[in-house]
Amino acid sequence: LLGAEFLAITLVLVYVGAVMVLFLFVIMMLDINFDNLRKN
């Protein structure tokens, strides 16, 4: 909306495409009991 198309597409590509994958990878590396999560 502000006319910064480059920043918008960079945010989607870099943060949603790469950083969120990294965040989810770190979440999966943590010792979380996934049996309880899979139940729900």
Full PDB file with SEQRES, HELIX, SHEET, SSBOND, CRYST1, ORIGX, SCALE, CONECT and MASTER records, all heavy atoms in Angstrom:
SEQRES   1 A   40  LEU LEU GLY ALA GLU PHE LEU ALA ILE THR LEU VAL LEU          
SEQRES   2 A   40  VAL TYR VAL GLY ALA VAL MET VAL LEU PHE LEU PHE VAL          
SEQRES   3 A   40  ILE MET MET LEU ASP ILE ASN PHE ASP ASN LEU ARG LYS          
SEQRES   4 A   40  ASN                                                          
HELIX    1 AA1 GLU A    5  THR A   10  1                                   6    
HELIX    2 AA2 LEU A   11  VAL A   19  3                                   9    
HELIX    3 AA3 MET A   20  MET A   29  1                                  10    
HELIX    4 AA4 PHE A   34  LYS A   39  1                                   6    
CRYST1    1.000    1.000    1.000  90.00  90.00  90.00 P 1           1          
ORIGX1      1.000000  0.000000  0.000000        0.00000                         
ORIGX2      0.000000  1.000000  0.000000        0.00000                         
ORIGX3      0.000000  0.000000  1.000000        0.00000                         
SCALE1      1.000000  0.000000  0.000000        0.00000                         
SCALE2      0.000000  1.000000  0.000000        0.00000                         
SCALE3      0.000000  0.000000  1.000000        0.00000                         
ATOM      1  N   LEU A   1       0.816  -1.212   0.000  1.00  0.00           N  
ATOM      2  CA  LEU A   1       0.000   0.000   0.000  1.00  0.00           C  
ATOM      3  C   LEU A   1       0.853   1.267   0.000  1.00  0.00           C  
ATOM      4  O   LEU A   1       0.465   2.291  -0.555  1.00  0.00           O  
ATOM      5  CB  LEU A   1      -0.929   0.016   1.222  1.00  0.00           C  
ATOM      6  CG  LEU A   1      -2.083  -0.984   1.208  1.00  0.00           C  
ATOM      7  CD1 LEU A   1      -2.818  -0.938   2.542  1.00  0.00           C  
ATOM      8  CD2 LEU A   1      -3.034  -0.665   0.073  1.00  0.00           C  
ATOM      9  N   LEU A   2       2.026   1.187   0.617  1.00  0.00           N  
ATOM     10  CA  LEU A   2       2.915   2.347   0.668  1.00  0.00           C  
ATOM     11  C   LEU A   2       3.752   2.498  -0.598  1.00  0.00           C  
ATOM     12  O   LEU A   2       4.520   3.446  -0.716  1.00  0.00           O  
ATOM     13  CB  LEU A   2       3.843   2.237   1.883  1.00  0.00           C  
ATOM     14  CG  LEU A   2       3.157   2.311   3.242  1.00  0.00           C  
ATOM     15  CD1 LEU A   2       4.152   2.046   4.359  1.00  0.00           C  
ATOM     16  CD2 LEU A   2       2.508   3.672   3.422  1.00  0.00           C  
ATOM     17  N   GLY A   3       3.634   1.566  -1.524  1.00  0.00           N  
ATOM     18  CA  GLY A   3       4.383   1.650  -2.771  1.00  0.00           C  
ATOM     19  C   GLY A   3       5.772   1.062  -2.706  1.00  0.00           C  
ATOM     20  O   GLY A   3       6.581   1.283  -3.600  1.00  0.00           O  
ATOM     21  N   ALA A   4       6.080   0.297  -1.665  1.00  0.00           N  
ATOM     22  CA  ALA A   4       7.398  -0.339  -1.533  1.00  0.00           C  
ATOM     23  C   ALA A   4       7.277  -1.799  -1.959  1.00  0.00           C  
ATOM     24  O   ALA A   4       7.292  -2.709  -1.135  1.00  0.00           O  
ATOM     25  CB  ALA A   4       7.905  -0.215  -0.107  1.00  0.00           C  
ATOM     26  N   GLU A   5       7.160  -2.018  -3.274  1.00  0.00           N  
ATOM     27  CA  GLU A   5       6.929  -3.371  -3.774  1.00  0.00           C  
ATOM     28  C   GLU A   5       8.119  -4.277  -3.514  1.00  0.00           C  
ATOM     29  O   GLU A   5       7.945  -5.464  -3.204  1.00  0.00           O  
ATOM     30  CB  GLU A   5       6.630  -3.339  -5.275  1.00  0.00           C  
ATOM     31  CG  GLU A   5       5.380  -2.596  -5.655  1.00  0.00           C  
ATOM     32  CD  GLU A   5       5.627  -1.111  -5.876  1.00  0.00           C  
ATOM     33  OE1 GLU A   5       6.808  -0.696  -5.867  1.00  0.00           O  
ATOM     34  OE2 GLU A   5       4.647  -0.375  -6.039  1.00  0.00           O  
ATOM     35  N   PHE A   6       9.318  -3.734  -3.664  1.00  0.00           N  
ATOM     36  CA  PHE A   6      10.519  -4.558  -3.462  1.00  0.00           C  
ATOM     37  C   PHE A   6      10.605  -5.065  -2.030  1.00  0.00           C  
ATOM     38  O   PHE A   6      10.909  -6.232  -1.782  1.00  0.00           O  
ATOM     39  CB  PHE A   6      11.774  -3.769  -3.828  1.00  0.00           C  
ATOM     40  CG  PHE A   6      13.043  -4.533  -3.631  1.00  0.00           C  
ATOM     41  CD1 PHE A   6      13.419  -5.516  -4.534  1.00  0.00           C  
ATOM     42  CD2 PHE A   6      13.858  -4.288  -2.545  1.00  0.00           C  
ATOM     43  CE1 PHE A   6      14.580  -6.234  -4.353  1.00  0.00           C  
ATOM     44  CE2 PHE A   6      15.020  -4.996  -2.351  1.00  0.00           C  
ATOM     45  CZ  PHE A   6      15.388  -5.973  -3.259  1.00  0.00           C  
ATOM     46  N   LEU A   7      10.355  -4.180  -1.062  1.00  0.00           N  
ATOM     47  CA  LEU A   7      10.393  -4.599   0.341  1.00  0.00           C  
ATOM     48  C   LEU A   7       9.314  -5.625   0.637  1.00  0.00           C  
ATOM     49  O   LEU A   7       9.531  -6.581   1.394  1.00  0.00           O  
ATOM     50  CB  LEU A   7      10.232  -3.383   1.255  1.00  0.00           C  
ATOM     51  CG  LEU A   7      11.414  -2.443   1.349  1.00  0.00           C  
ATOM     52  CD1 LEU A   7      11.065  -1.254   2.219  1.00  0.00           C  
ATOM     53  CD2 LEU A   7      12.620  -3.161   1.890  1.00  0.00           C  
ATOM     54  N   ALA A   8       8.143  -5.456   0.050  1.00  0.00           N  
ATOM     55  CA  ALA A   8       7.047  -6.386   0.303  1.00  0.00           C  
ATOM     56  C   ALA A   8       7.385  -7.780  -0.218  1.00  0.00           C  
ATOM     57  O   ALA A   8       7.213  -8.775   0.489  1.00  0.00           O  
ATOM     58  CB  ALA A   8       5.765  -5.869  -0.342  1.00  0.00           C  
ATOM     59  N   ILE A   9       7.876  -7.859  -1.443  1.00  0.00           N  
ATOM     60  CA  ILE A   9       8.180  -9.176  -1.998  1.00  0.00           C  
ATOM     61  C   ILE A   9       9.385  -9.797  -1.305  1.00  0.00           C  
ATOM     62  O   ILE A   9       9.462 -11.013  -1.125  1.00  0.00           O  
ATOM     63  CB  ILE A   9       8.374  -9.102  -3.534  1.00  0.00           C  
ATOM     64  CG1 ILE A   9       8.211 -10.491  -4.158  1.00  0.00           C  
ATOM     65  CG2 ILE A   9       9.697  -8.525  -3.903  1.00  0.00           C  
ATOM     66  CD1 ILE A   9       6.838 -11.027  -4.094  1.00  0.00           C  
ATOM     67  N   THR A  10      10.332  -8.949  -0.863  1.00  0.00           N  
ATOM     68  CA  THR A  10      11.474  -9.469  -0.110  1.00  0.00           C  
ATOM     69  C   THR A  10      11.025 -10.034   1.225  1.00  0.00           C  
ATOM     70  O   THR A  10      11.511 -11.082   1.663  1.00  0.00           O  
ATOM     71  CB  THR A  10      12.518  -8.360   0.111  1.00  0.00           C  
ATOM     72  OG1 THR A  10      12.908  -7.851  -1.158  1.00  0.00           O  
ATOM     73  CG2 THR A  10      13.728  -8.874   0.834  1.00  0.00           C  
ATOM     74  N   LEU A  11      10.100  -9.347   1.878  1.00  0.00           N  
ATOM     75  CA  LEU A  11       9.583  -9.847   3.155  1.00  0.00           C  
ATOM     76  C   LEU A  11       8.926 -11.199   2.980  1.00  0.00           C  
ATOM     77  O   LEU A  11       9.139 -12.121   3.774  1.00  0.00           O  
ATOM     78  CB  LEU A  11       8.598  -8.839   3.752  1.00  0.00           C  
ATOM     79  CG  LEU A  11       7.992  -9.211   5.099  1.00  0.00           C  
ATOM     80  CD1 LEU A  11       9.047  -9.173   6.173  1.00  0.00           C  
ATOM     81  CD2 LEU A  11       6.866  -8.290   5.447  1.00  0.00           C  
ATOM     82  N   VAL A  12       8.129 -11.346   1.928  1.00  0.00           N  
ATOM     83  CA  VAL A  12       7.443 -12.624   1.708  1.00  0.00           C  
ATOM     84  C   VAL A  12       8.443 -13.713   1.351  1.00  0.00           C  
ATOM     85  O   VAL A  12       8.407 -14.822   1.896  1.00  0.00           O  
ATOM     86  CB  VAL A  12       6.360 -12.475   0.617  1.00  0.00           C  
ATOM     87  CG1 VAL A  12       5.804 -13.827   0.227  1.00  0.00           C  
ATOM     88  CG2 VAL A  12       5.248 -11.576   1.112  1.00  0.00           C  
ATOM     89  N   LEU A  13       9.371 -13.413   0.438  1.00  0.00           N  
ATOM     90  CA  LEU A  13      10.302 -14.448  -0.009  1.00  0.00           C  
ATOM     91  C   LEU A  13      11.303 -14.839   1.067  1.00  0.00           C  
ATOM     92  O   LEU A  13      11.541 -16.025   1.307  1.00  0.00           O  
ATOM     93  CB  LEU A  13      11.050 -13.974  -1.262  1.00  0.00           C  
ATOM     94  CG  LEU A  13      10.234 -13.866  -2.538  1.00  0.00           C  
ATOM     95  CD1 LEU A  13      11.088 -13.341  -3.666  1.00  0.00           C  
ATOM     96  CD2 LEU A  13       9.633 -15.204  -2.916  1.00  0.00           C  
ATOM     97  N   VAL A  14      11.894 -13.830   1.723  1.00  0.00           N  
ATOM     98  CA  VAL A  14      12.957 -14.131   2.675  1.00  0.00           C  
ATOM     99  C   VAL A  14      12.390 -14.602   3.998  1.00  0.00           C  
ATOM    100  O   VAL A  14      12.745 -15.674   4.500  1.00  0.00           O  
ATOM    101  CB  VAL A  14      13.865 -12.898   2.878  1.00  0.00           C  
ATOM    102  CG1 VAL A  14      14.868 -13.134   3.984  1.00  0.00           C  
ATOM    103  CG2 VAL A  14      14.585 -12.565   1.589  1.00  0.00           C  
ATOM    104  N   TYR A  15      11.475 -13.827   4.576  1.00  0.00           N  
ATOM    105  CA  TYR A  15      11.013 -14.171   5.917  1.00  0.00           C  
ATOM    106  C   TYR A  15      10.027 -15.331   5.911  1.00  0.00           C  
ATOM    107  O   TYR A  15      10.167 -16.268   6.689  1.00  0.00           O  
ATOM    108  CB  TYR A  15      10.410 -12.939   6.601  1.00  0.00           C  
ATOM    109  CG  TYR A  15      11.463 -12.012   7.107  1.00  0.00           C  
ATOM    110  CD1 TYR A  15      11.889 -10.940   6.348  1.00  0.00           C  
ATOM    111  CD2 TYR A  15      12.055 -12.229   8.336  1.00  0.00           C  
ATOM    112  CE1 TYR A  15      12.879 -10.100   6.801  1.00  0.00           C  
ATOM    113  CE2 TYR A  15      13.047 -11.388   8.807  1.00  0.00           C  
ATOM    114  CZ  TYR A  15      13.453 -10.333   8.036  1.00  0.00           C  
ATOM    115  OH  TYR A  15      14.436  -9.511   8.492  1.00  0.00           O  
ATOM    116  N   VAL A  16       9.034 -15.273   5.058  1.00  0.00           N  
ATOM    117  CA  VAL A  16       8.062 -16.372   5.044  1.00  0.00           C  
ATOM    118  C   VAL A  16       8.688 -17.615   4.435  1.00  0.00           C  
ATOM    119  O   VAL A  16       8.501 -18.727   4.911  1.00  0.00           O  
ATOM    120  CB  VAL A  16       6.784 -15.957   4.286  1.00  0.00           C  
ATOM    121  CG1 VAL A  16       5.829 -17.119   4.172  1.00  0.00           C  
ATOM    122  CG2 VAL A  16       6.119 -14.787   4.980  1.00  0.00           C  
ATOM    123  N   GLY A  17       9.483 -17.429   3.373  1.00  0.00           N  
ATOM    124  CA  GLY A  17      10.040 -18.588   2.689  1.00  0.00           C  
ATOM    125  C   GLY A  17      11.225 -19.213   3.369  1.00  0.00           C  
ATOM    126  O   GLY A  17      11.396 -20.425   3.336  1.00  0.00           O  
ATOM    127  N   ALA A  18      12.081 -18.407   4.004  1.00  0.00           N  
ATOM    128  CA  ALA A  18      13.310 -18.954   4.568  1.00  0.00           C  
ATOM    129  C   ALA A  18      13.341 -18.912   6.087  1.00  0.00           C  
ATOM    130  O   ALA A  18      13.606 -19.916   6.740  1.00  0.00           O  
ATOM    131  CB  ALA A  18      14.512 -18.184   3.999  1.00  0.00           C  
ATOM    132  N   VAL A  19      13.058 -17.757   6.655  1.00  0.00           N  
ATOM    133  CA  VAL A  19      13.184 -17.622   8.106  1.00  0.00           C  
ATOM    134  C   VAL A  19      12.149 -18.483   8.827  1.00  0.00           C  
ATOM    135  O   VAL A  19      12.440 -19.104   9.845  1.00  0.00           O  
ATOM    136  CB  VAL A  19      13.083 -16.132   8.510  1.00  0.00           C  
ATOM    137  CG1 VAL A  19      13.047 -15.972  10.006  1.00  0.00           C  
ATOM    138  CG2 VAL A  19      14.247 -15.365   7.927  1.00  0.00           C  
ATOM    139  N   MET A  20      10.923 -18.542   8.300  1.00  0.00           N  
ATOM    140  CA  MET A  20       9.915 -19.367   8.966  1.00  0.00           C  
ATOM    141  C   MET A  20      10.258 -20.851   8.868  1.00  0.00           C  
ATOM    142  O   MET A  20       9.979 -21.621   9.786  1.00  0.00           O  
ATOM    143  CB  MET A  20       8.532 -19.108   8.374  1.00  0.00           C  
ATOM    144  CG  MET A  20       7.939 -17.795   8.837  1.00  0.00           C  
ATOM    145  SD  MET A  20       8.055 -17.532  10.610  1.00  0.00           S  
ATOM    146  CE  MET A  20       7.217 -18.941  11.250  1.00  0.00           C  
ATOM    147  N   VAL A  21      10.872 -21.258   7.764  1.00  0.00           N  
ATOM    148  CA  VAL A  21      11.345 -22.644   7.668  1.00  0.00           C  
ATOM    149  C   VAL A  21      12.406 -22.893   8.731  1.00  0.00           C  
ATOM    150  O   VAL A  21      12.412 -23.948   9.387  1.00  0.00           O  
ATOM    151  CB  VAL A  21      11.875 -22.938   6.250  1.00  0.00           C  
ATOM    152  CG1 VAL A  21      12.559 -24.284   6.189  1.00  0.00           C  
ATOM    153  CG2 VAL A  21      10.748 -22.870   5.237  1.00  0.00           C  
ATOM    154  N   LEU A  22      13.291 -21.917   8.932  1.00  0.00           N  
ATOM    155  CA  LEU A  22      14.306 -22.045   9.978  1.00  0.00           C  
ATOM    156  C   LEU A  22      13.666 -22.097  11.359  1.00  0.00           C  
ATOM    157  O   LEU A  22      14.055 -22.917  12.203  1.00  0.00           O  
ATOM    158  CB  LEU A  22      15.290 -20.880   9.888  1.00  0.00           C  
ATOM    159  CG  LEU A  22      16.404 -20.853  10.938  1.00  0.00           C  
ATOM    160  CD1 LEU A  22      17.331 -22.038  10.749  1.00  0.00           C  
ATOM    161  CD2 LEU A  22      17.171 -19.556  10.845  1.00  0.00           C  
ATOM    162  N   PHE A  23      12.682 -21.237  11.615  1.00  0.00           N  
ATOM    163  CA  PHE A  23      11.990 -21.262  12.905  1.00  0.00           C  
ATOM    164  C   PHE A  23      11.342 -22.623  13.145  1.00  0.00           C  
ATOM    165  O   PHE A  23      11.446 -23.196  14.225  1.00  0.00           O  
ATOM    166  CB  PHE A  23      10.929 -20.169  12.974  1.00  0.00           C  
ATOM    167  CG  PHE A  23      11.467 -18.803  13.246  1.00  0.00           C  
ATOM    168  CD1 PHE A  23      10.623 -17.713  13.274  1.00  0.00           C  
ATOM    169  CD2 PHE A  23      12.812 -18.585  13.475  1.00  0.00           C  
ATOM    170  CE1 PHE A  23      11.108 -16.445  13.519  1.00  0.00           C  
ATOM    171  CE2 PHE A  23      13.315 -17.329  13.719  1.00  0.00           C  
ATOM    172  CZ  PHE A  23      12.461 -16.256  13.740  1.00  0.00           C  
ATOM    173  N   LEU A  24      10.646 -23.129  12.132  1.00  0.00           N  
ATOM    174  CA  LEU A  24      10.000 -24.429  12.298  1.00  0.00           C  
ATOM    175  C   LEU A  24      11.026 -25.532  12.484  1.00  0.00           C  
ATOM    176  O   LEU A  24      10.794 -26.487  13.225  1.00  0.00           O  
ATOM    177  CB  LEU A  24       9.093 -24.719  11.105  1.00  0.00           C  
ATOM    178  CG  LEU A  24       7.821 -23.873  11.060  1.00  0.00           C  
ATOM    179  CD1 LEU A  24       7.064 -24.111   9.768  1.00  0.00           C  
ATOM    180  CD2 LEU A  24       6.928 -24.179  12.249  1.00  0.00           C  
ATOM    181  N   PHE A  25      12.186 -25.420  11.827  1.00  0.00           N  
ATOM    182  CA  PHE A  25      13.251 -26.402  12.030  1.00  0.00           C  
ATOM    183  C   PHE A  25      13.743 -26.365  13.467  1.00  0.00           C  
ATOM    184  O   PHE A  25      13.962 -27.409  14.081  1.00  0.00           O  
ATOM    185  CB  PHE A  25      14.395 -26.122  11.051  1.00  0.00           C  
ATOM    186  CG  PHE A  25      15.555 -27.053  11.193  1.00  0.00           C  
ATOM    187  CD1 PHE A  25      15.466 -28.360  10.752  1.00  0.00           C  
ATOM    188  CD2 PHE A  25      16.734 -26.616  11.772  1.00  0.00           C  
ATOM    189  CE1 PHE A  25      16.532 -29.217  10.893  1.00  0.00           C  
ATOM    190  CE2 PHE A  25      17.811 -27.471  11.912  1.00  0.00           C  
ATOM    191  CZ  PHE A  25      17.708 -28.780  11.465  1.00  0.00           C  
ATOM    192  N   VAL A  26      13.918 -25.161  14.013  1.00  0.00           N  
ATOM    193  CA  VAL A  26      14.359 -25.042  15.410  1.00  0.00           C  
ATOM    194  C   VAL A  26      13.291 -25.589  16.351  1.00  0.00           C  
ATOM    195  O   VAL A  26      13.601 -26.269  17.330  1.00  0.00           O  
ATOM    196  CB  VAL A  26      14.693 -23.568  15.736  1.00  0.00           C  
ATOM    197  CG1 VAL A  26      14.893 -23.366  17.226  1.00  0.00           C  
ATOM    198  CG2 VAL A  26      15.921 -23.138  14.974  1.00  0.00           C  
ATOM    199  N   ILE A  27      12.023 -25.332  16.036  1.00  0.00           N  
ATOM    200  CA  ILE A  27      10.947 -25.862  16.866  1.00  0.00           C  
ATOM    201  C   ILE A  27      10.979 -27.382  16.848  1.00  0.00           C  
ATOM    202  O   ILE A  27      10.793 -28.043  17.868  1.00  0.00           O  
ATOM    203  CB  ILE A  27       9.583 -25.327  16.383  1.00  0.00           C  
ATOM    204  CG1 ILE A  27       9.447 -23.844  16.730  1.00  0.00           C  
ATOM    205  CG2 ILE A  27       8.431 -26.106  17.009  1.00  0.00           C  
ATOM    206  CD1 ILE A  27       8.245 -23.184  16.096  1.00  0.00           C  
ATOM    207  N   MET A  28      11.248 -27.951  15.678  1.00  0.00           N  
ATOM    208  CA  MET A  28      11.308 -29.409  15.588  1.00  0.00           C  
ATOM    209  C   MET A  28      12.550 -29.969  16.284  1.00  0.00           C  
ATOM    210  O   MET A  28      12.559 -31.125  16.692  1.00  0.00           O  
ATOM    211  CB  MET A  28      11.320 -29.845  14.117  1.00  0.00           C  
ATOM    212  CG  MET A  28      10.087 -29.453  13.365  1.00  0.00           C  
ATOM    213  SD  MET A  28       8.599 -30.032  14.181  1.00  0.00           S  
ATOM    214  CE  MET A  28       7.370 -29.105  13.335  1.00  0.00           C  
ATOM    215  N   MET A  29      13.616 -29.153  16.406  1.00  0.00           N  
ATOM    216  CA  MET A  29      14.825 -29.621  17.089  1.00  0.00           C  
ATOM    217  C   MET A  29      14.643 -29.652  18.601  1.00  0.00           C  
ATOM    218  O   MET A  29      15.379 -30.345  19.302  1.00  0.00           O  
ATOM    219  CB  MET A  29      16.006 -28.701  16.754  1.00  0.00           C  
ATOM    220  CG  MET A  29      16.513 -28.820  15.344  1.00  0.00           C  
ATOM    221  SD  MET A  29      17.383 -30.342  15.059  1.00  0.00           S  
ATOM    222  CE  MET A  29      18.833 -30.092  16.060  1.00  0.00           C  
ATOM    223  N   LEU A  30      13.687 -28.880  19.112  1.00  0.00           N  
ATOM    224  CA  LEU A  30      13.451 -28.876  20.549  1.00  0.00           C  
ATOM    225  C   LEU A  30      12.850 -30.211  20.981  1.00  0.00           C  
ATOM    226  O   LEU A  30      12.227 -30.917  20.201  1.00  0.00           O  
ATOM    227  CB  LEU A  30      12.495 -27.736  20.923  1.00  0.00           C  
ATOM    228  CG  LEU A  30      12.998 -26.323  20.632  1.00  0.00           C  
ATOM    229  CD1 LEU A  30      11.900 -25.329  20.909  1.00  0.00           C  
ATOM    230  CD2 LEU A  30      14.221 -26.006  21.459  1.00  0.00           C  
ATOM    231  N   ASP A  31      13.058 -30.527  22.228  1.00  0.00           N  
ATOM    232  CA  ASP A  31      12.520 -31.786  22.756  1.00  0.00           C  
ATOM    233  C   ASP A  31      11.065 -31.582  23.162  1.00  0.00           C  
ATOM    234  O   ASP A  31      10.745 -31.383  24.328  1.00  0.00           O  
ATOM    235  CB  ASP A  31      13.351 -32.251  23.954  1.00  0.00           C  
ATOM    236  CG  ASP A  31      14.745 -32.635  23.540  1.00  0.00           C  
ATOM    237  OD1 ASP A  31      14.898 -33.088  22.387  1.00  0.00           O  
ATOM    238  OD2 ASP A  31      15.669 -32.477  24.343  1.00  0.00           O  
ATOM    239  N   ILE A  32      10.186 -31.631  22.180  1.00  0.00           N  
ATOM    240  CA  ILE A  32       8.758 -31.468  22.435  1.00  0.00           C  
ATOM    241  C   ILE A  32       8.110 -32.839  22.331  1.00  0.00           C  
ATOM    242  O   ILE A  32       8.427 -33.622  21.437  1.00  0.00           O  
ATOM    243  CB  ILE A  32       8.121 -30.498  21.417  1.00  0.00           C  
ATOM    244  CG1 ILE A  32       8.770 -29.126  21.532  1.00  0.00           C  
ATOM    245  CG2 ILE A  32       6.626 -30.394  21.623  1.00  0.00           C  
ATOM    246  CD1 ILE A  32       8.322 -28.147  20.472  1.00  0.00           C  
ATOM    247  N   ASN A  33       7.218 -33.136  23.226  1.00  0.00           N  
ATOM    248  CA  ASN A  33       6.516 -34.409  23.187  1.00  0.00           C  
ATOM    249  C   ASN A  33       5.447 -34.337  22.093  1.00  0.00           C  
ATOM    250  O   ASN A  33       4.357 -33.815  22.299  1.00  0.00           O  
ATOM    251  CB  ASN A  33       5.889 -34.705  24.556  1.00  0.00           C  
ATOM    252  CG  ASN A  33       5.350 -36.109  24.621  1.00  0.00           C  
ATOM    253  OD1 ASN A  33       5.410 -36.857  23.638  1.00  0.00           O  
ATOM    254  ND2 ASN A  33       4.824 -36.477  25.772  1.00  0.00           N  
ATOM    255  N   PHE A  34       5.779 -34.871  20.915  1.00  0.00           N  
ATOM    256  CA  PHE A  34       4.877 -34.760  19.781  1.00  0.00           C  
ATOM    257  C   PHE A  34       3.714 -35.741  19.859  1.00  0.00           C  
ATOM    258  O   PHE A  34       2.757 -35.608  19.119  1.00  0.00           O  
ATOM    259  CB  PHE A  34       5.639 -34.960  18.470  1.00  0.00           C  
ATOM    260  CG  PHE A  34       6.469 -33.773  18.109  1.00  0.00           C  
ATOM    261  CD1 PHE A  34       7.835 -33.780  18.322  1.00  0.00           C  
ATOM    262  CD2 PHE A  34       5.892 -32.639  17.584  1.00  0.00           C  
ATOM    263  CE1 PHE A  34       8.597 -32.685  18.010  1.00  0.00           C  
ATOM    264  CE2 PHE A  34       6.646 -31.537  17.261  1.00  0.00           C  
ATOM    265  CZ  PHE A  34       7.998 -31.562  17.477  1.00  0.00           C  
ATOM    266  N   ASP A  35       3.796 -36.730  20.735  1.00  0.00           N  
ATOM    267  CA  ASP A  35       2.660 -37.646  20.876  1.00  0.00           C  
ATOM    268  C   ASP A  35       1.443 -36.897  21.407  1.00  0.00           C  
ATOM    269  O   ASP A  35       0.320 -37.100  20.945  1.00  0.00           O  
ATOM    270  CB  ASP A  35       3.015 -38.807  21.809  1.00  0.00           C  
ATOM    271  CG  ASP A  35       4.066 -39.714  21.187  1.00  0.00           C  
ATOM    272  OD1 ASP A  35       4.126 -39.765  19.936  1.00  0.00           O  
ATOM    273  OD2 ASP A  35       4.817 -40.346  21.935  1.00  0.00           O  
ATOM    274  N   ASN A  36       1.661 -36.012  22.377  1.00  0.00           N  
ATOM    275  CA  ASN A  36       0.539 -35.214  22.893  1.00  0.00           C  
ATOM    276  C   ASN A  36       0.027 -34.246  21.839  1.00  0.00           C  
ATOM    277  O   ASN A  36      -1.175 -33.971  21.763  1.00  0.00           O  
ATOM    278  CB  ASN A  36       0.976 -34.440  24.141  1.00  0.00           C  
ATOM    279  CG  ASN A  36       1.238 -35.358  25.309  1.00  0.00           C  
ATOM    280  OD1 ASN A  36       0.725 -36.471  25.349  1.00  0.00           O  
ATOM    281  ND2 ASN A  36       2.063 -34.911  26.238  1.00  0.00           N  
ATOM    282  N   LEU A  37       0.942 -33.696  21.029  1.00  0.00           N  
ATOM    283  CA  LEU A  37       0.505 -32.770  19.981  1.00  0.00           C  
ATOM    284  C   LEU A  37      -0.266 -33.498  18.890  1.00  0.00           C  
ATOM    285  O   LEU A  37      -1.213 -32.959  18.320  1.00  0.00           O  
ATOM    286  CB  LEU A  37       1.717 -32.053  19.383  1.00  0.00           C  
ATOM    287  CG  LEU A  37       2.470 -31.113  20.324  1.00  0.00           C  
ATOM    288  CD1 LEU A  37       3.673 -30.519  19.609  1.00  0.00           C  
ATOM    289  CD2 LEU A  37       1.560 -30.014  20.802  1.00  0.00           C  
ATOM    290  N   ARG A  38       0.147 -34.722  18.575  1.00  0.00           N  
ATOM    291  CA  ARG A  38      -0.541 -35.468  17.514  1.00  0.00           C  
ATOM    292  C   ARG A  38      -1.924 -35.924  17.953  1.00  0.00           C  
ATOM    293  O   ARG A  38      -2.796 -36.145  17.128  1.00  0.00           O  
ATOM    294  CB  ARG A  38       0.306 -36.668  17.109  1.00  0.00           C  
ATOM    295  CG  ARG A  38       1.506 -36.284  16.289  1.00  0.00           C  
ATOM    296  CD  ARG A  38       2.216 -37.488  15.724  1.00  0.00           C  
ATOM    297  NE  ARG A  38       3.420 -37.076  15.051  1.00  0.00           N  
ATOM    298  CZ  ARG A  38       4.636 -37.430  15.402  1.00  0.00           C  
ATOM    299  NH1 ARG A  38       4.813 -38.203  16.443  1.00  0.00           N  
ATOM    300  NH2 ARG A  38       5.682 -37.014  14.738  1.00  0.00           N  
ATOM    301  N   LYS A  39      -2.105 -36.077  19.257  1.00  0.00           N  
ATOM    302  CA  LYS A  39      -3.440 -36.459  19.728  1.00  0.00           C  
ATOM    303  C   LYS A  39      -4.461 -35.393  19.379  1.00  0.00           C  
ATOM    304  O   LYS A  39      -5.580 -35.682  19.025  1.00  0.00           O  
ATOM    305  CB  LYS A  39      -3.412 -36.650  21.253  1.00  0.00           C  
ATOM    306  CG  LYS A  39      -2.901 -37.971  21.712  1.00  0.00           C  
ATOM    307  CD  LYS A  39      -3.158 -38.117  23.190  1.00  0.00           C  
ATOM    308  CE  LYS A  39      -1.891 -38.561  23.866  1.00  0.00           C  
ATOM    309  NZ  LYS A  39      -1.981 -38.593  25.294  1.00  0.00           N  
ATOM    310  N   ASN A  40      -4.051 -34.150  19.491  1.00  0.00           N  
ATOM    311  CA  ASN A  40      -4.949 -33.036  19.219  1.00  0.00           C  
ATOM    312  C   ASN A  40      -4.653 -32.412  17.854  1.00  0.00           C  
ATOM    313  O   ASN A  40      -4.674 -31.196  17.703  1.00  0.00           O  
ATOM    314  CB  ASN A  40      -4.799 -31.973  20.314  1.00  0.00           C  
ATOM    315  CG  ASN A  40      -5.115 -32.528  21.670  1.00  0.00           C  
ATOM    316  OD1 ASN A  40      -5.984 -33.367  21.802  1.00  0.00           O  
ATOM    317  ND2 ASN A  40      -4.398 -32.078  22.682  1.00  0.00           N  
TER     318      ASN A  40                                                      
MASTER        0    0    0    4    0    0    0    6  317    1    0    4          
END                                                                             
